[in-house]
C-alpha atoms as a PDB file:
ATOM      1  CA  MET A   1     -76.646  37.713  33.630  1.00  0.00           C
ATOM      2  CA  GLY A   2     -77.652  41.007  31.999  1.00  0.00           C
ATOM      3  CA  MET A   3     -75.406  43.909  31.133  1.00  0.00           C
ATOM      4  CA  GLY A   4     -75.371  47.220  32.955  1.00  0.00           C
ATOM      5  CA  VAL A   5     -76.596  50.427  31.348  1.00  0.00           C
ATOM      6  CA  ASP A   6     -73.047  51.797  31.031  1.00  0.00           C
ATOM      7  CA  ILE A   7     -71.845  48.728  29.098  1.00  0.00           C
ATOM      8  CA  ARG A   8     -74.837  48.884  26.772  1.00  0.00           C
ATOM      9  CA  ASN A   9     -74.128  52.564  26.104  1.00  0.00           C
ATOM     10  CA  GLN A  10     -70.441  51.802  25.547  1.00  0.00           C
ATOM     11  CA  MET A  11     -71.415  49.309  22.833  1.00  0.00           C
ATOM     12  CA  ALA A  12     -73.893  51.749  21.278  1.00  0.00           C
ATOM     13  CA  ARG A  13     -71.219  54.473  21.292  1.00  0.00           C
ATOM     14  CA  ARG A  14     -68.825  52.175  19.419  1.00  0.00           C
ATOM     15  CA  ALA A  15     -71.484  51.351  16.804  1.00  0.00           C
ATOM     16  CA  ALA A  16     -72.156  55.084  16.340  1.00  0.00           C
ATOM     17  CA  GLU A  17     -68.530  55.475  15.174  1.00  0.00           C
ATOM     18  CA  GLU A  18     -69.450  53.542  11.993  1.00  0.00           C
ATOM     19  CA  ILE A  19     -72.016  56.148  10.931  1.00  0.00           C
ATOM     20  CA  ARG A  20     -70.994  58.753   8.365  1.00  0.00           C
ATOM     21  CA  ASN A  21     -72.617  61.980   7.215  1.00  0.00           C
ATOM     22  CA  GLY A  22     -75.689  61.584   4.996  1.00  0.00           C
ATOM     23  CA  MET A  23     -76.359  57.910   5.763  1.00  0.00           C
ATOM     24  CA  VAL A  24     -79.735  56.215   6.212  1.00  0.00           C
ATOM     25  CA  VAL A  25     -79.394  53.943   9.253  1.00  0.00           C
ATOM     26  CA  ASN A  26     -81.874  51.346  10.521  1.00  0.00           C
ATOM     27  CA  LEU A  27     -81.906  50.495  14.234  1.00  0.00           C
ATOM     28  CA  GLY A  28     -83.106  47.232  15.751  1.00  0.00           C
ATOM     29  CA  ILE A  29     -84.663  46.956  19.200  1.00  0.00           C
ATOM     30  CA  GLY A  30     -82.631  46.723  22.417  1.00  0.00           C
ATOM     31  CA  ILE A  31     -79.074  48.080  22.542  1.00  0.00           C
ATOM     32  CA  PRO A  32     -79.195  49.440  18.931  1.00  0.00           C
ATOM     33  CA  SER A  33     -81.955  51.854  19.962  1.00  0.00           C
ATOM     34  CA  LEU A  34     -79.377  53.661  22.157  1.00  0.00           C
ATOM     35  CA  VAL A  35     -77.159  54.579  19.176  1.00  0.00           C
ATOM     36  CA  PRO A  36     -78.767  58.003  18.402  1.00  0.00           C
ATOM     37  CA  ASN A  37     -77.848  59.180  21.900  1.00  0.00           C
ATOM     38  CA  HIS A  38     -74.140  58.814  21.026  1.00  0.00           C
ATOM     39  CA  LEU A  39     -73.973  60.466  17.635  1.00  0.00           C
ATOM     40  CA  SER A  40     -71.891  63.604  17.123  1.00  0.00           C
ATOM     41  CA  LYS A  41     -73.996  66.716  16.461  1.00  0.00           C
ATOM     42  CA  GLU A  42     -71.936  67.354  13.310  1.00  0.00           C
ATOM     43  CA  ILE A  43     -73.182  64.120  11.716  1.00  0.00           C
ATOM     44  CA  MET A  44     -76.355  64.538   9.675  1.00  0.00           C
ATOM     45  CA  VAL A  45     -78.049  61.142   9.469  1.00  0.00           C
ATOM     46  CA  MET A  46     -81.556  59.804   8.897  1.00  0.00           C
ATOM     47  CA  PHE A  47     -82.517  57.013  11.300  1.00  0.00           C
ATOM     48  CA  HIS A  48     -85.028  54.625   9.784  1.00  0.00           C
ATOM     49  CA  ALA A  49     -87.528  52.272  11.447  1.00  0.00           C
ATOM     50  CA  GLU A  50     -89.548  49.535   9.758  1.00  0.00           C
ATOM     51  CA  ASN A  51     -92.782  50.871  11.239  1.00  0.00           C
ATOM     52  CA  GLY A  52     -92.489  53.873   8.913  1.00  0.00           C
ATOM     53  CA  ILE A  53     -90.253  56.611  10.322  1.00  0.00           C
ATOM     54  CA  THR A  54     -87.245  58.119   8.573  1.00  0.00           C
ATOM     55  CA  GLY A  55     -85.524  60.791  10.643  1.00  0.00           C
ATOM     56  CA  MET A  56     -85.751  59.522  14.230  1.00  0.00           C
ATOM     57  CA  GLY A  57     -83.989  61.597  16.877  1.00  0.00           C
ATOM     58  CA  PRO A  58     -82.721  60.680  20.366  1.00  0.00           C
ATOM     59  CA  SER A  59     -84.925  59.301  23.122  1.00  0.00           C
ATOM     60  CA  PRO A  60     -87.292  61.972  24.512  1.00  0.00           C
ATOM     61  CA  GLU A  61     -86.858  63.458  27.967  1.00  0.00           C
ATOM     62  CA  LYS A  62     -88.988  61.847  30.654  1.00  0.00           C
ATOM     63  CA  GLY A  63     -92.456  63.345  30.576  1.00  0.00           C
ATOM     64  CA  LYS A  64     -92.090  64.617  26.988  1.00  0.00           C
ATOM     65  CA  GLU A  65     -92.886  61.332  25.212  1.00  0.00           C
ATOM     66  CA  ASP A  66     -95.358  61.361  22.303  1.00  0.00           C
ATOM     67  CA  GLU A  67     -97.572  58.265  22.560  1.00  0.00           C
ATOM     68  CA  ASN A  68     -97.920  58.206  18.747  1.00  0.00           C
ATOM     69  CA  LEU A  69     -94.193  58.380  18.031  1.00  0.00           C
ATOM     70  CA  CYS A  70     -92.244  55.194  18.672  1.00  0.00           C
ATOM     71  CA  ASN A  71     -89.585  53.017  17.063  1.00  0.00           C
ATOM     72  CA  ALA A  72     -90.049  49.484  15.711  1.00  0.00           C
ATOM     73  CA  GLY A  73     -89.711  48.100  19.240  1.00  0.00           C
ATOM     74  CA  GLY A  74     -92.515  50.321  20.570  1.00  0.00           C
ATOM     75  CA  PHE A  75     -90.225  52.622  22.579  1.00  0.00           C
ATOM     76  CA  PRO A  76     -90.737  56.404  22.428  1.00  0.00           C
ATOM     77  CA  VAL A  77     -88.500  58.402  20.083  1.00  0.00           C
ATOM     78  CA  THR A  78     -88.279  61.975  18.786  1.00  0.00           C
ATOM     79  CA  LEU A  79     -88.416  63.201  15.196  1.00  0.00           C
ATOM     80  CA  GLU A  80     -85.694  65.381  13.701  1.00  0.00           C
ATOM     81  CA  SER A  81     -86.487  68.397  11.511  1.00  0.00           C
ATOM     82  CA  GLY A  82     -87.115  67.062   8.001  1.00  0.00           C
ATOM     83  CA  GLY A  83     -88.153  63.632   9.258  1.00  0.00           C
ATOM     84  CA  SER A  84     -91.077  61.843   7.632  1.00  0.00           C
ATOM     85  CA  TYR A  85     -93.687  59.151   8.179  1.00  0.00           C
ATOM     86  CA  CYS A  86     -94.845  56.461   5.763  1.00  0.00           C
ATOM     87  CA  ASP A  87     -96.619  53.124   5.940  1.00  0.00           C
ATOM     88  CA  SER A  88     -94.720  49.872   6.475  1.00  0.00           C
ATOM     89  CA  ALA A  89     -94.985  48.904   2.791  1.00  0.00           C
ATOM     90  CA  VAL A  90     -93.018  51.999   1.739  1.00  0.00           C
ATOM     91  CA  SER A  91     -90.597  51.502   4.632  1.00  0.00           C
ATOM     92  CA  PHE A  92     -89.886  47.915   3.524  1.00  0.00           C
ATOM     93  CA  GLY A  93     -89.647  49.123  -0.069  1.00  0.00           C
ATOM     94  CA  MET A  94     -86.750  51.358   1.012  1.00  0.00           C
ATOM     95  CA  ILE A  95     -85.017  48.366   2.586  1.00  0.00           C
ATOM     96  CA  ARG A  96     -85.561  46.010  -0.355  1.00  0.00           C
ATOM     97  CA  ARG A  97     -84.291  48.605  -2.838  1.00  0.00           C
ATOM     98  CA  GLY A  98     -81.018  48.828  -0.894  1.00  0.00           C
ATOM     99  CA  ARG A  99     -81.623  52.386   0.328  1.00  0.00           C
ATOM    100  CA  VAL A 100     -80.441  51.607   3.883  1.00  0.00           C
ATOM    101  CA  ASP A 101     -76.696  52.182   4.366  1.00  0.00           C
ATOM    102  CA  ILE A 102     -76.312  50.493   7.765  1.00  0.00           C
ATOM    103  CA  THR A 103     -78.524  48.287   9.888  1.00  0.00           C
ATOM    104  CA  ILE A 104     -77.635  47.814  13.546  1.00  0.00           C
ATOM    105  CA  LEU A 105     -79.273  44.684  14.964  1.00  0.00           C
ATOM    106  CA  GLY A 106     -79.300  42.497  18.031  1.00  0.00           C
ATOM    107  CA  SER A 107     -78.739  38.761  17.633  1.00  0.00           C
ATOM    108  CA  LEU A 108     -79.048  35.386  19.328  1.00  0.00           C
ATOM    109  CA  GLN A 109     -76.052  33.882  17.477  1.00  0.00           C
ATOM    110  CA  VAL A 110     -73.555  34.910  14.803  1.00  0.00           C
ATOM    111  CA  SER A 111     -71.302  32.363  13.081  1.00  0.00           C
ATOM    112  CA  GLN A 112     -67.643  32.906  12.229  1.00  0.00           C
ATOM    113  CA  ASN A 113     -68.556  33.474   8.575  1.00  0.00           C
ATOM    114  CA  GLY A 114     -71.251  36.046   9.401  1.00  0.00           C
ATOM    115  CA  ASP A 115     -74.430  33.940   9.401  1.00  0.00           C
ATOM    116  CA  LEU A 116     -77.129  35.690  11.450  1.00  0.00           C
ATOM    117  CA  ALA A 117     -79.634  33.929  13.735  1.00  0.00           C
ATOM    118  CA  ASN A 118     -81.657  36.594  15.504  1.00  0.00           C
ATOM    119  CA  TRP A 119     -85.352  35.822  15.350  1.00  0.00           C
ATOM    120  CA  ILE A 120     -86.339  32.671  17.254  1.00  0.00           C
ATOM    121  CA  VAL A 121     -85.365  30.209  19.945  1.00  0.00           C
ATOM    122  CA  PRO A 122     -87.431  27.095  19.077  1.00  0.00           C
ATOM    123  CA  GLY A 123     -90.185  26.474  21.598  1.00  0.00           C
ATOM    124  CA  LYS A 124     -90.320  30.093  22.798  1.00  0.00           C
ATOM    125  CA  LYS A 125     -92.886  32.681  21.751  1.00  0.00           C
ATOM    126  CA  VAL A 126     -91.634  35.485  19.531  1.00  0.00           C
ATOM    127  CA  PRO A 127     -93.413  38.405  17.825  1.00  0.00           C
ATOM    128  CA  GLY A 128     -91.981  37.346  14.443  1.00  0.00           C
ATOM    129  CA  MET A 129     -88.979  38.031  12.240  1.00  0.00           C
ATOM    130  CA  GLY A 130     -89.879  41.662  11.591  1.00  0.00           C
ATOM    131  CA  GLY A 131     -87.630  43.313   9.028  1.00  0.00           C
ATOM    132  CA  ALA A 132     -84.459  41.459  10.014  1.00  0.00           C
ATOM    133  CA  MET A 133     -84.362  39.179   6.973  1.00  0.00           C
ATOM    134  CA  GLU A 134     -84.692  42.032   4.461  1.00  0.00           C
ATOM    135  CA  LEU A 135     -82.352  44.321   6.394  1.00  0.00           C
ATOM    136  CA  ALA A 136     -79.630  41.694   6.803  1.00  0.00           C
ATOM    137  CA  HIS A 137     -79.774  40.858   3.111  1.00  0.00           C
ATOM    138  CA  LYS A 138     -80.132  44.330   1.612  1.00  0.00           C
ATOM    139  CA  ALA A 139     -78.450  46.870   3.918  1.00  0.00           C
ATOM    140  CA  LYS A 140     -75.005  47.907   2.689  1.00  0.00           C
ATOM    141  CA  LYS A 141     -73.453  47.185   6.113  1.00  0.00           C
ATOM    142  CA  VAL A 142     -74.751  44.929   8.909  1.00  0.00           C
ATOM    143  CA  ILE A 143     -73.594  45.558  12.486  1.00  0.00           C
ATOM    144  CA  VAL A 144     -74.591  43.251  15.353  1.00  0.00           C
ATOM    145  CA  LEU A 145     -74.676  44.495  18.958  1.00  0.00           C
ATOM    146  CA  MET A 146     -75.180  41.646  21.423  1.00  0.00           C
ATOM    147  CA  ASN A 147     -74.095  40.040  24.703  1.00  0.00           C
ATOM    148  CA  HIS A 148     -71.005  37.893  24.131  1.00  0.00           C
ATOM    149  CA  CYS A 149     -72.678  34.947  25.925  1.00  0.00           C
ATOM    150  CA  ASP A 150     -76.270  33.916  26.577  1.00  0.00           C
ATOM    151  CA  LYS A 151     -77.852  33.634  30.035  1.00  0.00           C
ATOM    152  CA  GLN A 152     -76.481  30.100  30.377  1.00  0.00           C
ATOM    153  CA  GLY A 153     -72.936  31.311  29.689  1.00  0.00           C
ATOM    154  CA  ASN A 154     -72.742  29.866  26.157  1.00  0.00           C
ATOM    155  CA  SER A 155     -70.910  31.850  23.494  1.00  0.00           C
ATOM    156  CA  LYS A 156     -73.173  33.609  21.011  1.00  0.00           C
ATOM    157  CA  ILE A 157     -70.288  33.800  18.517  1.00  0.00           C
ATOM    158  CA  VAL A 158     -70.069  30.267  17.162  1.00  0.00           C
ATOM    159  CA  THR A 159     -68.458  28.130  14.465  1.00  0.00           C
ATOM    160  CA  SER A 160     -71.882  27.301  13.052  1.00  0.00           C
ATOM    161  CA  CYS A 161     -75.282  28.609  14.207  1.00  0.00           C
ATOM    162  CA  THR A 162     -77.512  26.053  15.933  1.00  0.00           C
ATOM    163  CA  LEU A 163     -80.562  28.333  15.866  1.00  0.00           C
ATOM    164  CA  PRO A 164     -82.668  28.946  12.722  1.00  0.00           C
ATOM    165  CA  LEU A 165     -80.912  31.414  10.426  1.00  0.00           C
ATOM    166  CA  THR A 166     -82.213  34.840   9.482  1.00  0.00           C
ATOM    167  CA  THR A 167     -79.731  35.377   6.630  1.00  0.00           C
ATOM    168  CA  LYS A 168     -76.461  33.700   5.618  1.00  0.00           C
ATOM    169  CA  ALA A 169     -73.066  35.454   5.491  1.00  0.00           C
ATOM    170  CA  CYS A 170     -74.469  38.948   6.010  1.00  0.00           C
ATOM    171  CA  VAL A 171     -72.796  40.325   9.163  1.00  0.00           C
ATOM    172  CA  ASP A 172     -69.893  42.763   8.707  1.00  0.00           C
ATOM    173  CA  LEU A 173     -69.132  43.820  12.302  1.00  0.00           C
ATOM    174  CA  ILE A 174     -69.863  42.285  15.731  1.00  0.00           C
ATOM    175  CA  VAL A 175     -69.757  44.403  18.895  1.00  0.00           C
ATOM    176  CA  THR A 176     -70.092  42.703  22.295  1.00  0.00           C
ATOM    177  CA  GLU A 177     -69.305  43.919  25.803  1.00  0.00           C
ATOM    178  CA  LEU A 178     -65.877  42.243  25.461  1.00  0.00           C
ATOM    179  CA  ALA A 179     -64.631  43.022  21.974  1.00  0.00           C
ATOM    180  CA  VAL A 180     -65.200  44.104  18.382  1.00  0.00           C
ATOM    181  CA  PHE A 181     -64.829  41.640  15.491  1.00  0.00           C
ATOM    182  CA  GLN A 182     -64.730  42.230  11.757  1.00  0.00           C
ATOM    183  CA  VAL A 183     -66.174  39.440   9.601  1.00  0.00           C
ATOM    184  CA  THR A 184     -64.036  38.893   6.507  1.00  0.00           C
ATOM    185  CA  GLU A 185     -63.745  36.292   3.764  1.00  0.00           C
ATOM    186  CA  LYS A 186     -60.815  34.823   5.724  1.00  0.00           C
ATOM    187  CA  GLY A 187     -62.817  34.592   8.946  1.00  0.00           C
ATOM    188  CA  LEU A 188     -63.242  36.600  12.143  1.00  0.00           C
ATOM    189  CA  PHE A 189     -60.719  39.279  13.081  1.00  0.00           C
ATOM    190  CA  LEU A 190     -60.648  40.679  16.612  1.00  0.00           C
ATOM    191  CA  THR A 191     -59.855  44.371  16.119  1.00  0.00           C
ATOM    192  CA  GLU A 192     -60.728  45.982  19.459  1.00  0.00           C
ATOM    193  CA  LEU A 193     -60.998  45.145  23.161  1.00  0.00           C
ATOM    194  CA  PHE A 194     -63.171  46.871  25.740  1.00  0.00           C
ATOM    195  CA  ALA A 195     -61.527  47.568  29.105  1.00  0.00           C
ATOM    196  CA  PRO A 196     -60.962  45.744  31.396  1.00  0.00           C
ATOM    197  CA  TYR A 197     -60.987  42.580  29.228  1.00  0.00           C
ATOM    198  CA  ASP A 198     -57.990  40.948  27.588  1.00  0.00           C
ATOM    199  CA  LEU A 199     -57.463  38.409  24.802  1.00  0.00           C
ATOM    200  CA  GLY A 200     -57.611  35.544  27.290  1.00  0.00           C
ATOM    201  CA  ASP A 201     -61.108  36.567  28.438  1.00  0.00           C
ATOM    202  CA  VAL A 202     -62.348  36.724  24.846  1.00  0.00           C
ATOM    203  CA  GLY A 203     -60.745  33.413  23.840  1.00  0.00           C
ATOM    204  CA  GLN A 204     -62.293  31.666  26.824  1.00  0.00           C
ATOM    205  CA  LYS A 205     -65.798  32.919  26.025  1.00  0.00           C
ATOM    206  CA  THR A 206     -65.770  32.576  22.217  1.00  0.00           C
ATOM    207  CA  ASP A 207     -66.885  29.272  20.704  1.00  0.00           C
ATOM    208  CA  CYS A 208     -64.978  29.522  17.428  1.00  0.00           C
ATOM    209  CA  GLU A 209     -61.557  30.410  16.128  1.00  0.00           C
ATOM    210  CA  PHE A 210     -60.687  34.017  15.362  1.00  0.00           C
ATOM    211  CA  MET A 211     -57.660  35.943  14.192  1.00  0.00           C
ATOM    212  CA  ILE A 212     -56.192  38.909  16.045  1.00  0.00           C
ATOM    213  CA  CYS A 213     -55.261  42.177  14.343  1.00  0.00           C
ATOM    214  CA  GLU A 214     -51.675  43.367  14.742  1.00  0.00           C
ATOM    215  CA  ASN A 215     -52.671  46.600  16.463  1.00  0.00           C
ATOM    216  CA  VAL A 216     -55.647  45.830  18.677  1.00  0.00           C
ATOM    217  CA  ARG A 217     -57.398  49.017  19.773  1.00  0.00           C
ATOM    218  CA  ARG A 218     -58.142  49.126  23.503  1.00  0.00           C
ATOM    219  CA  ILE A 219     -61.307  51.065  24.319  1.00  0.00           C
ATOM    220  CA  PRO A 220     -61.271  52.493  27.875  1.00  0.00           C
ATOM    221  CA  TYR A 221     -64.294  51.945  30.115  1.00  0.00           C
END
C-alpha cells in the first residue's frame, strides 16, 4: 500500500530540518526529491545530483519544465542562481572526495546498526546501483526516507538486512511515515513520532529492537 502525497511531503519536510546553511546536499530519487520544496528561504544550500548538477532548485511549475534539466531520477528540476553543470565523472569526484555534507536516500531495508540495502531485489530488474554506494560511504551524514513496511507488510527496518547491501553501517537517520530513528553505536533510538501513530504502532511494525528517547517529539499531521 503506497503513501499519500501529504505523508511523503511530511517526511521530506522533516528531512529538510537537518539541512544547515552552506551545505552541499545530494538527493536520491522518490521522496528525497521533494526536500527542496520544504526548505526555508533563509537557508542557502547547493543541491547536488550525480548526473552533474550542483545548485538544483524546487520542482518547476507545470508547463515551465526544461526538458534538458532533470535530477538523477529523470524528473524535471530548476536551477538556482549560481548553480552549475558538470559531467558525471566530476560529480562523482565530488562525492568520493567527501564534498557532500548530506545525502538523502530511499531504501529497501536498513538494519539496526545502519547497514543500507537500497539497490536491488534479487530477480527483479533494476537500473543499477547509481551513486548510492559512494554517497553512503563518503557523505558526512546519511539520511534514509522510506516506507516503514514493504508492500507485503514486512518491516523495512530489520535486525539484519536480507537483501544485498549497498554499504555497511552508514545510515545516521531513518525517517518513515511512522517515526524518526537515530542510528547510534548503541543501536536504534526512536526520537520522534508522526501523528497519529504511537509507540505501539511502531513496535508492532518494526522487525528489530530499538530504544526510546526520554522526550519523544510528536510531529503533528
